[in-house]
Amino acid sequence: MNKRTTPVITIGSFMASLALGLYLQVAYTFTSESYPTRARSSGFALSDGLGHIGEIVGALALPLIVAGLGFFVGFAVIGITGLVAGAIALAGPSVTSLSLERISK
């Protein structure tokens, strides 16, 4: 490791951890509130399970990406997948100020 990559690794790791820490708690609440009441537990379980599969794929693929293409590309992949996840979440239903009965329909 040379002197140029150390700040990139440090700052990139910090930013990736910060982003994950900030949005994961919100994501768990958002996914459970986006499903109708009758399907809430099944929908949350499905999305949580798929999220864990994504974590496995990421944990296996990221070291290969970093080894083959470098740290910048690895952190770019983390950032891009985070932006895609955010765009998908924004495309979901808006449940602000709606009652549970109305969301369930």
Protein backbone atom coordinates (compact mmCIF):
# COMPACT_ATOMS: atom_id res chain seq x y z
CA MET A 1 0.00 0.00 0.00
CA ASN A 2 1.46 3.33 -0.97
CA LYS A 3 1.01 6.75 0.63
CA ARG A 4 -1.56 7.85 -1.96
CA THR A 5 -4.03 5.02 -1.34
CA THR A 6 -4.07 5.25 2.47
CA PRO A 7 -6.21 8.45 2.61
CA VAL A 8 -8.54 7.08 -0.09
CA ILE A 9 -9.08 3.86 1.85
CA THR A 10 -9.56 5.68 5.15
CA ILE A 11 -11.94 8.35 3.86
CA GLY A 12 -13.81 5.92 1.59
CA SER A 13 -14.30 3.41 4.41
CA PHE A 14 -15.51 6.14 6.74
CA MET A 15 -17.99 7.51 4.18
CA ALA A 16 -19.29 4.03 3.29
CA SER A 17 -19.78 3.15 6.97
CA LEU A 18 -21.42 6.50 7.66
CA ALA A 19 -23.84 6.10 4.77
CA LEU A 20 -24.74 2.55 5.79
CA GLY A 21 -25.24 3.59 9.39
CA LEU A 22 -27.47 6.49 8.44
CA TYR A 23 -29.78 4.80 5.99
CA LEU A 24 -30.12 1.24 7.27
CA GLN A 25 -32.22 2.19 10.30
CA VAL A 26 -34.52 4.26 8.12
CA ALA A 27 -34.73 1.50 5.53
CA TYR A 28 -35.99 -1.07 8.02
CA THR A 29 -38.76 1.25 9.18
CA PHE A 30 -39.62 2.37 5.65
CA THR A 31 -39.92 -1.15 4.25
CA SER A 32 -42.22 -2.33 7.01
CA GLU A 33 -44.44 0.77 6.73
CA SER A 34 -44.72 0.50 2.94
CA TYR A 35 -46.65 -2.76 2.96
CA PRO A 36 -50.37 -3.05 3.68
CA THR A 37 -51.07 -4.18 7.24
CA ARG A 38 -52.21 -7.68 6.20
CA ALA A 39 -48.94 -8.29 4.30
CA ARG A 40 -46.55 -6.31 6.47
CA SER A 41 -44.70 -9.16 8.15
CA SER A 42 -44.39 -11.22 4.95
CA GLY A 43 -43.30 -8.21 2.89
CA PHE A 44 -40.76 -7.13 5.47
CA ALA A 45 -39.40 -10.68 5.77
CA LEU A 46 -39.03 -10.93 1.98
CA SER A 47 -37.26 -7.58 1.61
CA ASP A 48 -35.04 -8.27 4.64
CA GLY A 49 -34.11 -11.70 3.29
CA LEU A 50 -33.27 -10.28 -0.13
CA GLY A 51 -31.18 -7.63 1.61
CA HIS A 52 -29.16 -10.31 3.36
CA ILE A 53 -28.59 -12.07 0.03
CA GLY A 54 -27.35 -8.75 -1.35
CA GLU A 55 -24.99 -8.41 1.60
CA ILE A 56 -23.53 -11.84 0.85
CA VAL A 57 -23.06 -11.01 -2.83
CA GLY A 58 -21.46 -7.67 -1.92
CA ALA A 59 -19.13 -9.23 0.62
CA LEU A 60 -17.95 -11.75 -1.97
CA ALA A 61 -17.82 -9.41 -4.98
CA LEU A 62 -16.31 -6.27 -3.43
CA PRO A 63 -12.89 -7.78 -2.64
CA LEU A 64 -12.71 -9.10 -6.21
CA ILE A 65 -13.60 -5.67 -7.60
CA VAL A 66 -11.02 -3.94 -5.39
CA ALA A 67 -8.32 -6.50 -6.21
CA GLY A 68 -8.95 -6.27 -9.94
CA LEU A 69 -9.89 -2.63 -10.47
CA GLY A 70 -8.74 -0.72 -7.40
CA PHE A 71 -10.20 0.96 -4.33
CA PHE A 72 -11.75 3.87 -6.20
CA VAL A 73 -13.87 1.54 -8.33
CA GLY A 74 -14.80 -0.47 -5.22
CA PHE A 75 -16.03 2.62 -3.40
CA ALA A 76 -17.77 3.83 -6.56
CA VAL A 77 -19.69 0.54 -6.70
CA ILE A 78 -20.77 1.04 -3.07
CA GLY A 79 -21.89 4.60 -3.86
CA ILE A 80 -23.76 3.68 -7.03
CA THR A 81 -25.62 0.80 -5.41
CA GLY A 82 -26.57 3.12 -2.55
CA LEU A 83 -27.92 5.72 -4.98
CA VAL A 84 -29.89 3.05 -6.86
CA ALA A 85 -31.37 1.79 -3.57
CA GLY A 86 -32.33 5.36 -2.66
CA ALA A 87 -34.00 5.91 -6.04
CA ILE A 88 -35.98 2.70 -5.64
CA ALA A 89 -37.07 3.77 -2.15
CA LEU A 90 -38.15 7.19 -3.45
CA ALA A 91 -40.24 5.48 -6.13
CA GLY A 92 -42.22 3.69 -3.42
CA PRO A 93 -45.50 4.90 -2.02
CA SER A 94 -45.60 8.02 0.12
CA VAL A 95 -47.19 7.15 3.45
CA THR A 96 -46.75 10.48 5.20
CA SER A 97 -49.84 11.60 7.13
CA LEU A 98 -51.86 8.57 6.02
CA SER A 99 -53.72 6.35 8.44
CA LEU A 100 -52.91 2.64 8.60
CA GLU A 101 -56.39 1.85 7.30
CA ARG A 102 -55.81 3.94 4.18
CA ILE A 103 -52.34 2.48 3.59
CA SER A 104 -53.79 -1.04 3.84
CA LYS A 105 -56.05 -0.51 0.83
